[in-house]
N, C-alpha and C. Protein backbone atom coordinates (compact mmCIF):
# COMPACT_ATOMS: atom_id res chain seq x y z
N MET A 1 106.31 97.99 89.15
CA MET A 1 106.73 96.88 89.97
C MET A 1 107.30 97.45 91.27
N ASN A 2 106.86 96.88 92.41
CA ASN A 2 107.39 97.36 93.68
C ASN A 2 108.66 96.59 94.06
N GLN A 3 109.22 96.90 95.22
CA GLN A 3 110.46 96.28 95.68
C GLN A 3 110.33 94.78 95.89
N LYS A 4 109.11 94.28 96.13
CA LYS A 4 108.88 92.85 96.34
C LYS A 4 108.68 92.11 95.03
N GLY A 5 108.68 92.84 93.91
CA GLY A 5 108.49 92.21 92.61
C GLY A 5 107.04 92.11 92.19
N SER A 6 106.12 92.68 92.96
CA SER A 6 104.71 92.67 92.60
C SER A 6 104.38 93.86 91.72
N PHE A 7 103.50 93.64 90.77
CA PHE A 7 103.05 94.73 89.91
C PHE A 7 101.75 95.28 90.48
N LEU A 8 101.76 96.57 90.81
CA LEU A 8 100.61 97.23 91.42
C LEU A 8 100.10 98.33 90.50
N THR A 9 98.80 98.57 90.54
CA THR A 9 98.21 99.67 89.78
C THR A 9 96.93 100.11 90.48
N SER A 10 96.61 101.37 90.32
CA SER A 10 95.35 101.90 90.83
C SER A 10 94.42 102.12 89.66
N SER A 11 93.26 101.59 89.76
CA SER A 11 92.26 101.73 88.70
C SER A 11 90.88 101.67 89.32
N SER A 12 89.91 101.03 88.64
CA SER A 12 88.56 101.05 89.21
C SER A 12 87.75 99.81 88.84
N ILE A 13 86.77 99.54 89.69
CA ILE A 13 85.73 98.55 89.41
C ILE A 13 84.40 99.29 89.53
N ASN A 14 83.61 99.21 88.49
CA ASN A 14 82.32 99.91 88.44
C ASN A 14 82.46 101.39 88.76
N GLY A 15 83.58 101.99 88.34
CA GLY A 15 83.81 103.42 88.53
C GLY A 15 84.36 103.80 89.90
N VAL A 16 84.54 102.85 90.81
CA VAL A 16 85.05 103.12 92.15
C VAL A 16 86.55 102.79 92.19
N PRO A 17 87.40 103.75 92.59
CA PRO A 17 88.84 103.49 92.62
C PRO A 17 89.22 102.36 93.58
N VAL A 18 90.09 101.48 93.10
CA VAL A 18 90.65 100.39 93.91
C VAL A 18 92.10 100.20 93.51
N SER A 19 92.85 99.51 94.35
CA SER A 19 94.23 99.15 94.03
C SER A 19 94.25 97.70 93.59
N PHE A 20 95.00 97.42 92.54
CA PHE A 20 95.13 96.07 92.02
C PHE A 20 96.57 95.58 92.19
N VAL A 21 96.72 94.28 92.40
CA VAL A 21 98.01 93.61 92.31
C VAL A 21 97.85 92.53 91.25
N VAL A 22 98.80 92.46 90.32
CA VAL A 22 98.72 91.51 89.22
C VAL A 22 99.09 90.12 89.71
N ASP A 23 98.25 89.13 89.37
CA ASP A 23 98.48 87.73 89.74
C ASP A 23 98.13 86.87 88.53
N THR A 24 99.14 86.50 87.76
CA THR A 24 98.90 85.72 86.54
C THR A 24 98.58 84.26 86.82
N GLY A 25 98.66 83.84 88.08
CA GLY A 25 98.39 82.45 88.41
C GLY A 25 96.94 82.19 88.82
N ALA A 26 96.14 83.23 88.86
CA ALA A 26 94.75 83.07 89.28
C ALA A 26 93.82 83.26 88.09
N THR A 27 92.60 82.77 88.22
CA THR A 27 91.65 82.78 87.12
C THR A 27 90.69 83.95 87.14
N LEU A 28 90.11 84.24 88.32
CA LEU A 28 89.09 85.28 88.44
C LEU A 28 89.60 86.47 89.25
N VAL A 29 89.23 87.67 88.83
CA VAL A 29 89.50 88.86 89.62
C VAL A 29 88.96 88.58 91.02
N ALA A 30 89.79 88.74 92.05
CA ALA A 30 89.38 88.37 93.40
C ALA A 30 89.54 89.55 94.34
N MET A 31 88.54 89.68 95.24
CA MET A 31 88.56 90.79 96.19
C MET A 31 87.95 90.37 97.51
N SER A 32 88.24 91.16 98.52
CA SER A 32 87.67 90.91 99.84
C SER A 32 86.21 91.37 99.88
N GLU A 33 85.51 90.93 100.90
CA GLU A 33 84.13 91.38 101.09
C GLU A 33 84.09 92.89 101.33
N GLN A 34 85.09 93.41 102.02
CA GLN A 34 85.15 94.85 102.30
C GLN A 34 85.25 95.65 101.00
N ILE A 35 86.11 95.23 100.10
CA ILE A 35 86.24 95.93 98.82
C ILE A 35 84.97 95.77 97.99
N ALA A 36 84.38 94.57 98.00
CA ALA A 36 83.14 94.35 97.25
C ALA A 36 82.04 95.31 97.71
N LYS A 37 81.94 95.51 99.01
CA LYS A 37 80.94 96.45 99.53
C LYS A 37 81.27 97.87 99.11
N LYS A 38 82.56 98.23 99.11
CA LYS A 38 83.01 99.57 98.70
C LYS A 38 82.59 99.87 97.26
N VAL A 39 82.70 98.88 96.37
CA VAL A 39 82.35 99.10 94.96
C VAL A 39 80.88 98.82 94.67
N GLY A 40 80.12 98.47 95.71
CA GLY A 40 78.68 98.33 95.56
C GLY A 40 78.19 97.01 95.00
N LEU A 41 78.96 95.94 95.17
CA LEU A 41 78.53 94.64 94.68
C LEU A 41 77.57 93.99 95.66
N GLN A 42 76.45 93.53 95.18
CA GLN A 42 75.52 92.77 96.01
C GLN A 42 75.79 91.28 95.76
N TYR A 43 76.97 90.87 96.17
CA TYR A 43 77.48 89.54 95.84
C TYR A 43 76.69 88.41 96.49
N LYS A 44 76.17 88.61 97.69
CA LYS A 44 75.41 87.54 98.34
C LYS A 44 74.04 87.37 97.70
N LEU A 45 73.55 88.40 97.05
CA LEU A 45 72.26 88.34 96.37
C LEU A 45 72.41 87.84 94.93
N TYR A 46 73.43 88.34 94.20
CA TYR A 46 73.56 88.02 92.77
C TYR A 46 74.73 87.10 92.43
N GLY A 47 75.65 86.88 93.35
CA GLY A 47 76.79 86.02 93.08
C GLY A 47 76.45 84.55 93.22
N LYS A 48 77.17 83.73 92.49
CA LYS A 48 76.98 82.28 92.58
C LYS A 48 77.92 81.75 93.67
N PRO A 49 77.37 81.14 94.73
CA PRO A 49 78.23 80.61 95.80
C PRO A 49 79.17 79.53 95.26
N SER A 50 80.41 79.56 95.74
CA SER A 50 81.41 78.62 95.28
C SER A 50 82.44 78.45 96.39
N LEU A 51 83.44 77.62 96.14
CA LEU A 51 84.56 77.43 97.05
C LEU A 51 85.86 77.71 96.32
N ALA A 52 86.81 78.30 97.05
CA ALA A 52 88.15 78.53 96.49
C ALA A 52 89.15 77.84 97.40
N SER A 53 90.20 77.33 96.80
CA SER A 53 91.25 76.68 97.56
C SER A 53 92.34 77.70 97.89
N LYS A 54 92.64 77.83 99.18
CA LYS A 54 93.71 78.71 99.65
C LYS A 54 94.71 77.87 100.41
N ALA A 55 95.84 78.45 100.74
CA ALA A 55 96.87 77.73 101.49
C ALA A 55 96.34 77.25 102.84
N THR A 56 95.38 77.98 103.40
CA THR A 56 94.82 77.62 104.70
C THR A 56 93.60 76.70 104.59
N GLY A 57 93.27 76.30 103.36
CA GLY A 57 92.11 75.43 103.14
C GLY A 57 91.09 76.09 102.23
N ASN A 58 89.93 75.47 102.12
CA ASN A 58 88.88 76.02 101.27
C ASN A 58 88.17 77.18 101.96
N THR A 59 87.71 78.12 101.16
CA THR A 59 86.96 79.26 101.68
C THR A 59 85.80 79.57 100.74
N ARG A 60 84.74 80.15 101.29
CA ARG A 60 83.56 80.50 100.48
C ARG A 60 83.86 81.70 99.59
N THR A 61 83.29 81.65 98.40
CA THR A 61 83.37 82.77 97.46
C THR A 61 82.01 82.95 96.82
N TRP A 62 81.85 84.10 96.19
CA TRP A 62 80.67 84.39 95.38
C TRP A 62 81.19 84.88 94.04
N VAL A 63 80.83 84.20 92.96
CA VAL A 63 81.32 84.51 91.62
C VAL A 63 80.25 85.27 90.87
N MET A 64 80.67 86.35 90.18
CA MET A 64 79.71 87.15 89.43
C MET A 64 80.44 88.01 88.41
N PRO A 65 79.74 88.42 87.35
CA PRO A 65 80.36 89.35 86.40
C PRO A 65 80.43 90.74 87.02
N LEU A 66 81.54 91.41 86.76
CA LEU A 66 81.73 92.79 87.20
C LEU A 66 81.38 93.69 86.01
N LYS A 67 80.52 94.66 86.21
CA LYS A 67 80.04 95.49 85.10
C LYS A 67 81.18 96.16 84.36
N LYS A 68 82.11 96.81 85.09
CA LYS A 68 83.22 97.51 84.45
C LYS A 68 84.49 97.35 85.29
N VAL A 69 85.57 96.94 84.63
CA VAL A 69 86.89 96.92 85.25
C VAL A 69 87.79 97.75 84.36
N SER A 70 88.39 98.78 84.94
CA SER A 70 89.21 99.71 84.17
C SER A 70 90.62 99.77 84.74
N VAL A 71 91.61 99.59 83.87
CA VAL A 71 93.02 99.68 84.25
C VAL A 71 93.73 100.50 83.19
N ALA A 72 94.38 101.58 83.61
CA ALA A 72 95.16 102.43 82.71
C ALA A 72 94.37 102.83 81.46
N GLY A 73 93.11 103.13 81.64
CA GLY A 73 92.29 103.59 80.52
C GLY A 73 91.65 102.49 79.69
N LEU A 74 92.01 101.24 79.94
CA LEU A 74 91.40 100.13 79.21
C LEU A 74 90.25 99.59 80.05
N GLU A 75 89.03 99.84 79.60
CA GLU A 75 87.84 99.41 80.34
C GLU A 75 87.22 98.19 79.67
N LEU A 76 87.03 97.15 80.46
CA LEU A 76 86.38 95.93 79.99
C LEU A 76 85.09 95.75 80.76
N THR A 77 84.10 95.18 80.11
CA THR A 77 82.81 94.93 80.76
C THR A 77 82.60 93.44 80.97
N ASN A 78 81.80 93.12 81.96
CA ASN A 78 81.43 91.74 82.27
C ASN A 78 82.64 90.82 82.47
N VAL A 79 83.61 91.30 83.21
CA VAL A 79 84.77 90.50 83.59
C VAL A 79 84.37 89.71 84.83
N TYR A 80 84.56 88.41 84.82
CA TYR A 80 84.16 87.61 85.97
C TYR A 80 85.12 87.81 87.13
N GLY A 81 84.52 87.92 88.32
CA GLY A 81 85.28 88.11 89.53
C GLY A 81 84.71 87.29 90.66
N ALA A 82 85.46 87.23 91.75
CA ALA A 82 85.02 86.49 92.93
C ALA A 82 85.24 87.34 94.17
N VAL A 83 84.25 87.32 95.03
CA VAL A 83 84.37 87.92 96.35
C VAL A 83 84.75 86.78 97.28
N VAL A 84 85.86 86.94 98.00
CA VAL A 84 86.42 85.86 98.80
C VAL A 84 86.23 86.15 100.29
N GLU A 85 85.54 85.23 100.96
CA GLU A 85 85.30 85.37 102.40
C GLU A 85 86.63 85.34 103.15
N LYS A 86 86.78 86.23 104.10
CA LYS A 86 87.96 86.31 104.97
C LYS A 86 89.26 86.60 104.22
N MET A 87 89.16 87.18 103.04
CA MET A 87 90.36 87.63 102.32
C MET A 87 90.79 88.93 102.98
N GLU A 88 92.06 89.04 103.31
CA GLU A 88 92.52 90.20 104.07
C GLU A 88 93.45 91.11 103.29
N MET A 89 93.55 90.92 102.00
CA MET A 89 94.40 91.79 101.18
C MET A 89 93.73 93.15 100.97
N PRO A 90 94.51 94.22 101.00
CA PRO A 90 93.93 95.54 100.73
C PRO A 90 93.77 95.82 99.24
N GLU A 91 94.32 94.93 98.39
CA GLU A 91 94.21 95.10 96.94
C GLU A 91 93.29 94.04 96.35
N VAL A 92 92.88 94.31 95.13
CA VAL A 92 92.13 93.35 94.32
C VAL A 92 93.15 92.60 93.47
N LEU A 93 92.97 91.29 93.32
CA LEU A 93 93.85 90.52 92.44
C LEU A 93 93.39 90.73 91.00
N LEU A 94 94.27 91.27 90.19
CA LEU A 94 94.00 91.46 88.77
C LEU A 94 94.58 90.25 88.05
N VAL A 95 93.71 89.42 87.49
CA VAL A 95 94.13 88.10 87.04
C VAL A 95 93.73 87.84 85.59
N MET A 96 93.79 86.60 85.19
CA MET A 96 93.64 86.24 83.79
C MET A 96 92.27 86.57 83.19
N SER A 97 91.21 86.64 83.98
CA SER A 97 89.91 86.99 83.39
C SER A 97 89.94 88.41 82.81
N TYR A 98 90.88 89.24 83.26
CA TYR A 98 91.09 90.58 82.69
C TYR A 98 92.34 90.58 81.80
N LEU A 99 93.43 90.02 82.30
CA LEU A 99 94.73 90.12 81.64
C LEU A 99 94.79 89.43 80.28
N ARG A 100 93.94 88.45 80.05
CA ARG A 100 93.99 87.73 78.76
C ARG A 100 93.71 88.66 77.58
N HIS A 101 93.18 89.85 77.86
CA HIS A 101 92.88 90.82 76.81
C HIS A 101 94.06 91.75 76.53
N LEU A 102 95.18 91.59 77.25
CA LEU A 102 96.32 92.50 77.17
C LEU A 102 97.59 91.81 76.72
N LYS A 103 98.53 92.63 76.27
CA LYS A 103 99.88 92.18 76.02
C LYS A 103 100.78 92.96 76.98
N MET A 104 101.58 92.26 77.78
CA MET A 104 102.42 92.94 78.76
C MET A 104 103.88 92.62 78.49
N ASN A 105 104.73 93.60 78.77
CA ASN A 105 106.17 93.43 78.70
C ASN A 105 106.79 93.88 80.02
N ASN A 106 107.85 93.21 80.44
CA ASN A 106 108.58 93.59 81.64
C ASN A 106 109.99 93.93 81.22
N ASP A 107 110.36 95.23 81.39
CA ASP A 107 111.70 95.64 80.98
C ASP A 107 112.72 95.47 82.11
N GLY A 108 112.30 94.92 83.26
CA GLY A 108 113.21 94.65 84.37
C GLY A 108 113.50 95.84 85.25
N LYS A 109 112.88 96.98 85.00
CA LYS A 109 113.11 98.18 85.81
C LYS A 109 112.06 98.28 86.91
N LEU A 110 112.49 98.82 88.06
CA LEU A 110 111.55 99.07 89.17
C LEU A 110 110.90 100.41 89.00
């Protein structure tokens, strides 16, 4: 947990290292178009076009299964994720489509 109270971890999508921030309020692993290109996702070709609601309004997304998502040695396959147009976060949101497979505890320490 960082000073802002966010839980961060470095892991990988499809074997490519990325940084994750845990977001238990979201449904699909979400990433920017820049990160999607870095991990080799052909989201405009294979993703299902959709819309996501953000504080600034609706934005285009492409939803698709991610072949491998690995965090702290736990690798899951076919985890659904979304590539979000104009998302400017440098991290990937690690959310319930992955976290539902885990048990987490917070001991309150930074």
